[in-house]
Amino acid sequence: MKLVKLIANLGYGSRKDVAWMFREGRITDAQGEVLYADDKVAHEQIHVDGEPLDPPPGLVLMMHKPVGYTCSRKDPGRVVFDLLPPRYRMRDPALSTVGRLDRDTSGLLLFTDDGALLHRIISPRAQVSKLYEAELAGDLRGDEGALFASGTLMLEAENEPLEPAQLEVLSPRRARLAITEGRYHQVRRMFAAAGNHVQTLHRASIGGLVLDEQLAPGAWRMLAPDEVDAIFA
């Protein structure tokens, strides 16, 4: 792929914009030597404005999603893409969230431009577990674990029962819940079906991948291949 198209596809601008960046000498190699549009150079050797070029397609990001942001591109309020560099919105193939967390839920959120990987993670057939930590408005009754694990719980306005889920009680009003589906507001609706109300909700892990404790709310980082593999471990 020609350098102009490569860099444009990574969101740095239109092809016209990138061609202008070449003329301005803003695109160099790792040693600072100016590159030209017809040069042949390895991806990892390309720098833009002195910074390494963003990774090629196949990018996977972990974010500590804060409360107050939606997993959308067009919501009139704050969206998770606002927390990434602006050029990440313009990548081709597009960068997408892997599933969604609602506005009032925090925790582990993944992004990728790998469509096959995205569908592998979210497909119910993959049985990738998502672990949530919930604080509740009322005390647990004691029968929620059996109810959630039964495989017979039917949510309001649904016509298929939920897959079995595992509940771990941490205190009378705190619990962890592991689910393998991703239905609309599923965790909140499950506790509502048990006569309770979720006050705060946090996703701690996806499969074997745990949220990096070093990431403050709103922070993000790229995942290494072994971390991506951990999702399915």
C-alpha atoms as a PDB file:
ATOM      1  CA  MET A   1       0.000   0.000   0.000  1.00  0.00           C
ATOM      2  CA  LYS A   2       1.280   3.475  -0.857  1.00  0.00           C
ATOM      3  CA  LEU A   3       2.284   5.618   2.087  1.00  0.00           C
ATOM      4  CA  VAL A   4      -0.298   8.330   1.413  1.00  0.00           C
ATOM      5  CA  LYS A   5      -3.156   5.812   1.479  1.00  0.00           C
ATOM      6  CA  LEU A   6      -1.709   3.981   4.482  1.00  0.00           C
ATOM      7  CA  ILE A   7      -1.440   7.124   6.587  1.00  0.00           C
ATOM      8  CA  ALA A   8      -4.821   8.464   5.459  1.00  0.00           C
ATOM      9  CA  ASN A   9      -6.485   5.153   6.377  1.00  0.00           C
ATOM     10  CA  LEU A  10      -5.093   5.526   9.895  1.00  0.00           C
ATOM     11  CA  GLY A  11      -7.078   8.743  10.289  1.00  0.00           C
ATOM     12  CA  TYR A  12      -4.365  11.377   9.944  1.00  0.00           C
ATOM     13  CA  GLY A  13      -6.376  13.188   7.275  1.00  0.00           C
ATOM     14  CA  SER A  14      -7.608  12.861   3.720  1.00  0.00           C
ATOM     15  CA  ARG A  15      -5.162  11.739   1.051  1.00  0.00           C
ATOM     16  CA  LYS A  16      -4.872  15.381   0.064  1.00  0.00           C
ATOM     17  CA  ASP A  17      -4.058  16.288   3.673  1.00  0.00           C
ATOM     18  CA  VAL A  18      -1.437  13.561   3.930  1.00  0.00           C
ATOM     19  CA  ALA A  19       0.170  14.557   0.622  1.00  0.00           C
ATOM     20  CA  TRP A  20       0.510  18.083   2.048  1.00  0.00           C
ATOM     21  CA  MET A  21       2.108  16.619   5.205  1.00  0.00           C
ATOM     22  CA  PHE A  22       4.738  14.956   3.025  1.00  0.00           C
ATOM     23  CA  ARG A  23       5.451  18.252   1.275  1.00  0.00           C
ATOM     24  CA  GLU A  24       5.819  19.962   4.652  1.00  0.00           C
ATOM     25  CA  GLY A  25       8.374  17.372   5.792  1.00  0.00           C
ATOM     26  CA  ARG A  26       6.186  16.228   8.694  1.00  0.00           C
ATOM     27  CA  ILE A  27       6.554  12.542   7.840  1.00  0.00           C
ATOM     28  CA  THR A  28       9.960  11.058   8.619  1.00  0.00           C
ATOM     29  CA  ASP A  29      11.656   7.796   9.445  1.00  0.00           C
ATOM     30  CA  ALA A  30      12.692   6.818  12.971  1.00  0.00           C
ATOM     31  CA  GLN A  31      15.988   8.675  12.541  1.00  0.00           C
ATOM     32  CA  GLY A  32      14.247  11.903  11.563  1.00  0.00           C
ATOM     33  CA  GLU A  33      15.018  11.742   7.835  1.00  0.00           C
ATOM     34  CA  VAL A  34      12.223  13.191   5.734  1.00  0.00           C
ATOM     35  CA  LEU A  35      10.235  10.609   3.813  1.00  0.00           C
ATOM     36  CA  TYR A  36       8.625  11.000   0.408  1.00  0.00           C
ATOM     37  CA  ALA A  37       5.311   9.599  -0.733  1.00  0.00           C
ATOM     38  CA  ASP A  38       6.867   6.976  -2.995  1.00  0.00           C
ATOM     39  CA  ASP A  39       9.399   5.699  -0.436  1.00  0.00           C
ATOM     40  CA  LYS A  40       9.359   2.055   0.639  1.00  0.00           C
ATOM     41  CA  VAL A  41       9.649   1.856   4.411  1.00  0.00           C
ATOM     42  CA  ALA A  42       8.455  -0.473   7.176  1.00  0.00           C
ATOM     43  CA  HIS A  43       5.394   0.640   9.118  1.00  0.00           C
ATOM     44  CA  GLU A  44       7.260   0.729  12.429  1.00  0.00           C
ATOM     45  CA  GLN A  45       9.868   3.080  10.947  1.00  0.00           C
ATOM     46  CA  ILE A  46       7.350   5.794   9.993  1.00  0.00           C
ATOM     47  CA  HIS A  47       6.917   8.853  12.234  1.00  0.00           C
ATOM     48  CA  VAL A  48       4.412  11.699  11.950  1.00  0.00           C
ATOM     49  CA  ASP A  49       5.389  14.975  13.616  1.00  0.00           C
ATOM     50  CA  GLY A  50       8.093  13.074  15.447  1.00  0.00           C
ATOM     51  CA  GLU A  51       5.769  10.418  16.861  1.00  0.00           C
ATOM     52  CA  PRO A  52       5.563   6.764  15.713  1.00  0.00           C
ATOM     53  CA  LEU A  53       2.773   6.012  13.260  1.00  0.00           C
ATOM     54  CA  ASP A  54      -0.301   4.458  14.829  1.00  0.00           C
ATOM     55  CA  PRO A  55      -0.544   0.644  14.577  1.00  0.00           C
ATOM     56  CA  PRO A  56      -1.945  -0.905  11.394  1.00  0.00           C
ATOM     57  CA  PRO A  57      -5.360  -2.595  11.261  1.00  0.00           C
ATOM     58  CA  GLY A  58      -5.734  -5.260  13.928  1.00  0.00           C
ATOM     59  CA  LEU A  59      -5.667  -2.693  16.721  1.00  0.00           C
ATOM     60  CA  VAL A  60      -7.200  -3.685  20.060  1.00  0.00           C
ATOM     61  CA  LEU A  61      -7.570  -1.171  22.909  1.00  0.00           C
ATOM     62  CA  MET A  62      -8.538  -1.501  26.554  1.00  0.00           C
ATOM     63  CA  MET A  63     -10.254   1.457  28.196  1.00  0.00           C
ATOM     64  CA  HIS A  64     -11.374   2.083  31.754  1.00  0.00           C
ATOM     65  CA  LYS A  65     -14.745   3.537  30.794  1.00  0.00           C
ATOM     66  CA  PRO A  66     -15.949   6.205  33.206  1.00  0.00           C
ATOM     67  CA  VAL A  67     -19.551   6.807  34.189  1.00  0.00           C
ATOM     68  CA  GLY A  68     -21.260   9.473  32.074  1.00  0.00           C
ATOM     69  CA  TYR A  69     -20.090   8.336  28.627  1.00  0.00           C
ATOM     70  CA  THR A  70     -22.021   6.315  26.057  1.00  0.00           C
ATOM     71  CA  CYS A  71     -20.633   3.738  23.651  1.00  0.00           C
ATOM     72  CA  SER A  72     -21.771   5.640  20.577  1.00  0.00           C
ATOM     73  CA  ARG A  73     -20.432   7.850  17.820  1.00  0.00           C
ATOM     74  CA  LYS A  74     -23.464  10.127  17.490  1.00  0.00           C
ATOM     75  CA  ASP A  75     -24.890  10.609  20.990  1.00  0.00           C
ATOM     76  CA  PRO A  76     -25.388  14.341  21.700  1.00  0.00           C
ATOM     77  CA  GLY A  77     -23.690  13.894  25.085  1.00  0.00           C
ATOM     78  CA  ARG A  78     -20.252  12.585  25.934  1.00  0.00           C
ATOM     79  CA  VAL A  79     -19.126   9.483  24.051  1.00  0.00           C
ATOM     80  CA  VAL A  80     -16.226   7.107  24.669  1.00  0.00           C
ATOM     81  CA  PHE A  81     -14.610   8.086  21.365  1.00  0.00           C
ATOM     82  CA  ASP A  82     -14.050  11.555  22.839  1.00  0.00           C
ATOM     83  CA  LEU A  83     -11.482   9.924  25.130  1.00  0.00           C
ATOM     84  CA  LEU A  84      -9.361   8.690  22.191  1.00  0.00           C
ATOM     85  CA  PRO A  85      -7.207  10.734  19.807  1.00  0.00           C
ATOM     86  CA  PRO A  86      -9.538  12.401  17.249  1.00  0.00           C
ATOM     87  CA  ARG A  87      -7.906  10.571  14.342  1.00  0.00           C
ATOM     88  CA  TYR A  88      -9.067   7.234  15.776  1.00  0.00           C
ATOM     89  CA  ARG A  89     -12.597   8.126  14.635  1.00  0.00           C
ATOM     90  CA  MET A  90     -11.344   8.303  11.042  1.00  0.00           C
ATOM     91  CA  ARG A  91      -9.529   4.974  10.804  1.00  0.00           C
ATOM     92  CA  ASP A  92     -10.423   2.670   7.919  1.00  0.00           C
ATOM     93  CA  PRO A  93     -11.400  -0.018   8.777  1.00  0.00           C
ATOM     94  CA  ALA A  94     -13.336   1.727  11.536  1.00  0.00           C
ATOM     95  CA  LEU A  95     -12.588   1.334  15.210  1.00  0.00           C
ATOM     96  CA  SER A  96     -15.626   0.036  17.119  1.00  0.00           C
ATOM     97  CA  THR A  97     -16.489  -0.811  20.694  1.00  0.00           C
ATOM     98  CA  VAL A  98     -16.676  -4.532  21.448  1.00  0.00           C
ATOM     99  CA  GLY A  99     -20.197  -4.600  22.808  1.00  0.00           C
ATOM    100  CA  ARG A 100     -21.441  -1.706  24.934  1.00  0.00           C
ATOM    101  CA  LEU A 101     -21.604  -0.409  28.459  1.00  0.00           C
ATOM    102  CA  ASP A 102     -24.460   1.946  29.269  1.00  0.00           C
ATOM    103  CA  ARG A 103     -23.879   5.552  30.343  1.00  0.00           C
ATOM    104  CA  ASP A 104     -24.063   4.708  34.051  1.00  0.00           C
ATOM    105  CA  THR A 105     -21.755   1.660  33.933  1.00  0.00           C
ATOM    106  CA  SER A 106     -17.988   1.881  34.336  1.00  0.00           C
ATOM    107  CA  GLY A 107     -15.146  -0.560  33.762  1.00  0.00           C
ATOM    108  CA  LEU A 108     -13.491  -2.632  31.079  1.00  0.00           C
ATOM    109  CA  LEU A 109     -14.349  -1.614  27.515  1.00  0.00           C
ATOM    110  CA  LEU A 110     -12.593  -2.946  24.430  1.00  0.00           C
ATOM    111  CA  PHE A 111     -12.201  -1.345  20.996  1.00  0.00           C
ATOM    112  CA  THR A 112     -11.016  -2.998  17.789  1.00  0.00           C
ATOM    113  CA  ASP A 113     -10.997  -2.537  14.032  1.00  0.00           C
ATOM    114  CA  ASP A 114     -10.889  -6.336  13.556  1.00  0.00           C
ATOM    115  CA  GLY A 115     -14.452  -7.315  12.709  1.00  0.00           C
ATOM    116  CA  ALA A 116     -13.824 -11.047  12.998  1.00  0.00           C
ATOM    117  CA  LEU A 117     -12.349 -10.641  16.472  1.00  0.00           C
ATOM    118  CA  LEU A 118     -15.216  -8.393  17.566  1.00  0.00           C
ATOM    119  CA  HIS A 119     -17.832 -10.929  16.540  1.00  0.00           C
ATOM    120  CA  ARG A 120     -15.845 -13.787  18.085  1.00  0.00           C
ATOM    121  CA  ILE A 121     -15.904 -12.021  21.461  1.00  0.00           C
ATOM    122  CA  ILE A 122     -19.563 -10.973  21.490  1.00  0.00           C
ATOM    123  CA  SER A 123     -21.077 -14.065  19.867  1.00  0.00           C
ATOM    124  CA  PRO A 124     -23.189 -16.023  22.383  1.00  0.00           C
ATOM    125  CA  ARG A 125     -21.680 -19.188  20.935  1.00  0.00           C
ATOM    126  CA  ALA A 126     -18.244 -18.148  22.178  1.00  0.00           C
ATOM    127  CA  GLN A 127     -19.478 -18.212  25.797  1.00  0.00           C
ATOM    128  CA  VAL A 128     -17.033 -15.435  26.750  1.00  0.00           C
ATOM    129  CA  SER A 129     -17.861 -14.514  30.334  1.00  0.00           C
ATOM    130  CA  LYS A 130     -18.239 -10.879  31.423  1.00  0.00           C
ATOM    131  CA  LEU A 131     -17.797 -10.211  35.132  1.00  0.00           C
ATOM    132  CA  TYR A 132     -19.690  -7.301  36.715  1.00  0.00           C
ATOM    133  CA  GLU A 133     -19.531  -5.844  40.203  1.00  0.00           C
ATOM    134  CA  ALA A 134     -22.816  -4.392  41.418  1.00  0.00           C
ATOM    135  CA  GLU A 135     -23.848  -2.284  44.402  1.00  0.00           C
ATOM    136  CA  LEU A 136     -27.525  -2.683  45.166  1.00  0.00           C
ATOM    137  CA  ALA A 137     -30.197  -0.488  46.715  1.00  0.00           C
ATOM    138  CA  GLY A 138     -31.527  -3.286  48.915  1.00  0.00           C
ATOM    139  CA  ASP A 139     -30.225  -6.379  50.664  1.00  0.00           C
ATOM    140  CA  LEU A 140     -30.003  -9.567  48.657  1.00  0.00           C
ATOM    141  CA  ARG A 141     -32.774 -12.023  49.498  1.00  0.00           C
ATOM    142  CA  GLY A 142     -30.577 -15.107  49.324  1.00  0.00           C
ATOM    143  CA  ASP A 143     -32.238 -16.904  46.398  1.00  0.00           C
ATOM    144  CA  GLU A 144     -30.731 -14.782  43.591  1.00  0.00           C
ATOM    145  CA  GLY A 145     -27.829 -17.158  42.955  1.00  0.00           C
ATOM    146  CA  ALA A 146     -30.138 -20.089  42.291  1.00  0.00           C
ATOM    147  CA  LEU A 147     -32.465 -17.936  40.188  1.00  0.00           C
ATOM    148  CA  PHE A 148     -29.661 -16.582  37.987  1.00  0.00           C
ATOM    149  CA  ALA A 149     -28.043 -20.025  37.596  1.00  0.00           C
ATOM    150  CA  SER A 150     -31.295 -21.763  36.694  1.00  0.00           C
ATOM    151  CA  GLY A 151     -31.345 -20.949  33.005  1.00  0.00           C
ATOM    152  CA  THR A 152     -35.071 -20.266  33.312  1.00  0.00           C
ATOM    153  CA  LEU A 153     -35.101 -16.557  34.223  1.00  0.00           C
ATOM    154  CA  MET A 154     -37.173 -14.632  31.695  1.00  0.00           C
ATOM    155  CA  LEU A 155     -36.699 -10.881  31.502  1.00  0.00           C
ATOM    156  CA  GLU A 156     -39.619  -8.563  30.863  1.00  0.00           C
ATOM    157  CA  ALA A 157     -40.462  -8.197  27.146  1.00  0.00           C
ATOM    158  CA  GLU A 158     -38.187 -11.147  26.236  1.00  0.00           C
ATOM    159  CA  ASN A 159     -39.272 -14.471  24.785  1.00  0.00           C
ATOM    160  CA  GLU A 160     -36.151 -16.521  25.534  1.00  0.00           C
ATOM    161  CA  PRO A 161     -34.841 -17.340  29.009  1.00  0.00           C
ATOM    162  CA  LEU A 162     -31.374 -16.192  30.010  1.00  0.00           C
ATOM    163  CA  GLU A 163     -28.383 -18.465  29.911  1.00  0.00           C
ATOM    164  CA  PRO A 164     -27.222 -19.558  33.383  1.00  0.00           C
ATOM    165  CA  ALA A 165     -25.200 -16.893  35.201  1.00  0.00           C
ATOM    166  CA  GLN A 166     -23.010 -17.117  38.296  1.00  0.00           C
ATOM    167  CA  LEU A 167     -23.539 -14.868  41.320  1.00  0.00           C
ATOM    168  CA  GLU A 168     -20.960 -14.281  44.055  1.00  0.00           C
ATOM    169  CA  VAL A 169     -22.251 -12.443  47.117  1.00  0.00           C
ATOM    170  CA  LEU A 170     -19.707 -10.030  48.601  1.00  0.00           C
ATOM    171  CA  SER A 171     -21.916  -8.393  51.229  1.00  0.00           C
ATOM    172  CA  PRO A 172     -25.667  -7.925  51.765  1.00  0.00           C
ATOM    173  CA  ARG A 173     -25.717  -5.225  49.077  1.00  0.00           C
ATOM    174  CA  ARG A 174     -22.675  -6.047  46.915  1.00  0.00           C
ATOM    175  CA  ALA A 175     -22.238  -8.882  44.431  1.00  0.00           C
ATOM    176  CA  ARG A 176     -20.313 -10.080  41.403  1.00  0.00           C
ATOM    177  CA  LEU A 177     -22.235 -11.501  38.472  1.00  0.00           C
ATOM    178  CA  ALA A 178     -20.721 -13.412  35.541  1.00  0.00           C
ATOM    179  CA  ILE A 179     -22.817 -13.585  32.363  1.00  0.00           C
ATOM    180  CA  THR A 180     -22.117 -14.956  28.890  1.00  0.00           C
ATOM    181  CA  GLU A 181     -24.730 -12.943  27.008  1.00  0.00           C
ATOM    182  CA  GLY A 182     -25.029  -9.252  26.283  1.00  0.00           C
ATOM    183  CA  ARG A 183     -28.699  -8.402  26.266  1.00  0.00           C
ATOM    184  CA  TYR A 184     -29.870  -4.824  26.700  1.00  0.00           C
ATOM    185  CA  HIS A 185     -29.159  -3.647  30.279  1.00  0.00           C
ATOM    186  CA  GLN A 186     -29.008  -7.328  31.199  1.00  0.00           C
ATOM    187  CA  VAL A 187     -27.407  -7.149  34.643  1.00  0.00           C
ATOM    188  CA  ARG A 188     -29.656  -4.317  35.800  1.00  0.00           C
ATOM    189  CA  ARG A 189     -32.744  -6.131  34.522  1.00  0.00           C
ATOM    190  CA  MET A 190     -31.707  -9.391  36.204  1.00  0.00           C
ATOM    191  CA  PHE A 191     -31.508  -7.752  39.608  1.00  0.00           C
ATOM    192  CA  ALA A 192     -34.753  -5.905  38.907  1.00  0.00           C
ATOM    193  CA  ALA A 193     -36.378  -9.274  38.186  1.00  0.00           C
ATOM    194  CA  ALA A 194     -35.193 -10.343  41.642  1.00  0.00           C
ATOM    195  CA  GLY A 195     -36.823  -7.294  43.218  1.00  0.00           C
ATOM    196  CA  ASN A 196     -33.743  -5.149  43.610  1.00  0.00           C
ATOM    197  CA  HIS A 197     -32.161  -2.098  41.987  1.00  0.00           C
ATOM    198  CA  VAL A 198     -28.560  -1.637  40.819  1.00  0.00           C
ATOM    199  CA  GLN A 199     -27.081   1.609  42.088  1.00  0.00           C
ATOM    200  CA  THR A 200     -23.582   1.262  40.607  1.00  0.00           C
ATOM    201  CA  LEU A 201     -22.273  -1.213  38.061  1.00  0.00           C
ATOM    202  CA  HIS A 202     -18.682  -1.909  37.014  1.00  0.00           C
ATOM    203  CA  ARG A 203     -17.328  -4.444  34.499  1.00  0.00           C
ATOM    204  CA  ALA A 204     -14.168  -6.025  35.884  1.00  0.00           C
ATOM    205  CA  SER A 205     -13.213  -8.541  33.196  1.00  0.00           C
ATOM    206  CA  ILE A 206     -13.998 -10.073  29.815  1.00  0.00           C
ATOM    207  CA  GLY A 207     -13.056 -13.718  29.593  1.00  0.00           C
ATOM    208  CA  GLY A 208      -9.605 -14.030  31.129  1.00  0.00           C
ATOM    209  CA  LEU A 209      -8.752 -10.367  30.521  1.00  0.00           C
ATOM    210  CA  VAL A 210      -8.963  -8.223  33.657  1.00  0.00           C
ATOM    211  CA  LEU A 211      -9.173  -4.439  33.668  1.00  0.00           C
ATOM    212  CA  ASP A 212      -5.713  -2.957  34.205  1.00  0.00           C
ATOM    213  CA  GLU A 213      -5.765  -1.411  37.687  1.00  0.00           C
ATOM    214  CA  GLN A 214      -3.219   1.182  36.537  1.00  0.00           C
ATOM    215  CA  LEU A 215      -5.767   2.737  34.180  1.00  0.00           C
ATOM    216  CA  ALA A 216      -7.634   5.649  35.706  1.00  0.00           C
ATOM    217  CA  PRO A 217     -11.230   6.234  34.537  1.00  0.00           C
ATOM    218  CA  GLY A 218     -11.051   7.556  30.973  1.00  0.00           C
ATOM    219  CA  ALA A 219      -7.549   6.175  30.346  1.00  0.00           C
ATOM    220  CA  TRP A 220      -6.764   3.554  27.734  1.00  0.00           C
ATOM    221  CA  ARG A 221      -3.909   1.536  26.259  1.00  0.00           C
ATOM    222  CA  MET A 222      -3.218  -0.925  23.460  1.00  0.00           C
ATOM    223  CA  LEU A 223      -3.343  -4.648  24.107  1.00  0.00           C
ATOM    224  CA  ALA A 224      -0.511  -7.041  23.328  1.00  0.00           C
ATOM    225  CA  PRO A 225      -1.363 -10.239  21.394  1.00  0.00           C
ATOM    226  CA  ASP A 226      -1.091 -12.390  24.521  1.00  0.00           C
ATOM    227  CA  GLU A 227      -3.615 -10.149  26.279  1.00  0.00           C
ATOM    228  CA  VAL A 228      -6.061 -10.582  23.400  1.00  0.00           C
ATOM    229  CA  ASP A 229      -5.546 -14.352  23.638  1.00  0.00           C
ATOM    230  CA  ALA A 230      -6.346 -14.162  27.353  1.00  0.00           C
ATOM    231  CA  ILE A 231      -9.919 -13.175  26.505  1.00  0.00           C
ATOM    232  CA  PHE A 232     -10.537 -16.727  25.298  1.00  0.00           C
ATOM    233  CA  ALA A 233      -8.397 -18.520  27.888  1.00  0.00           C
END
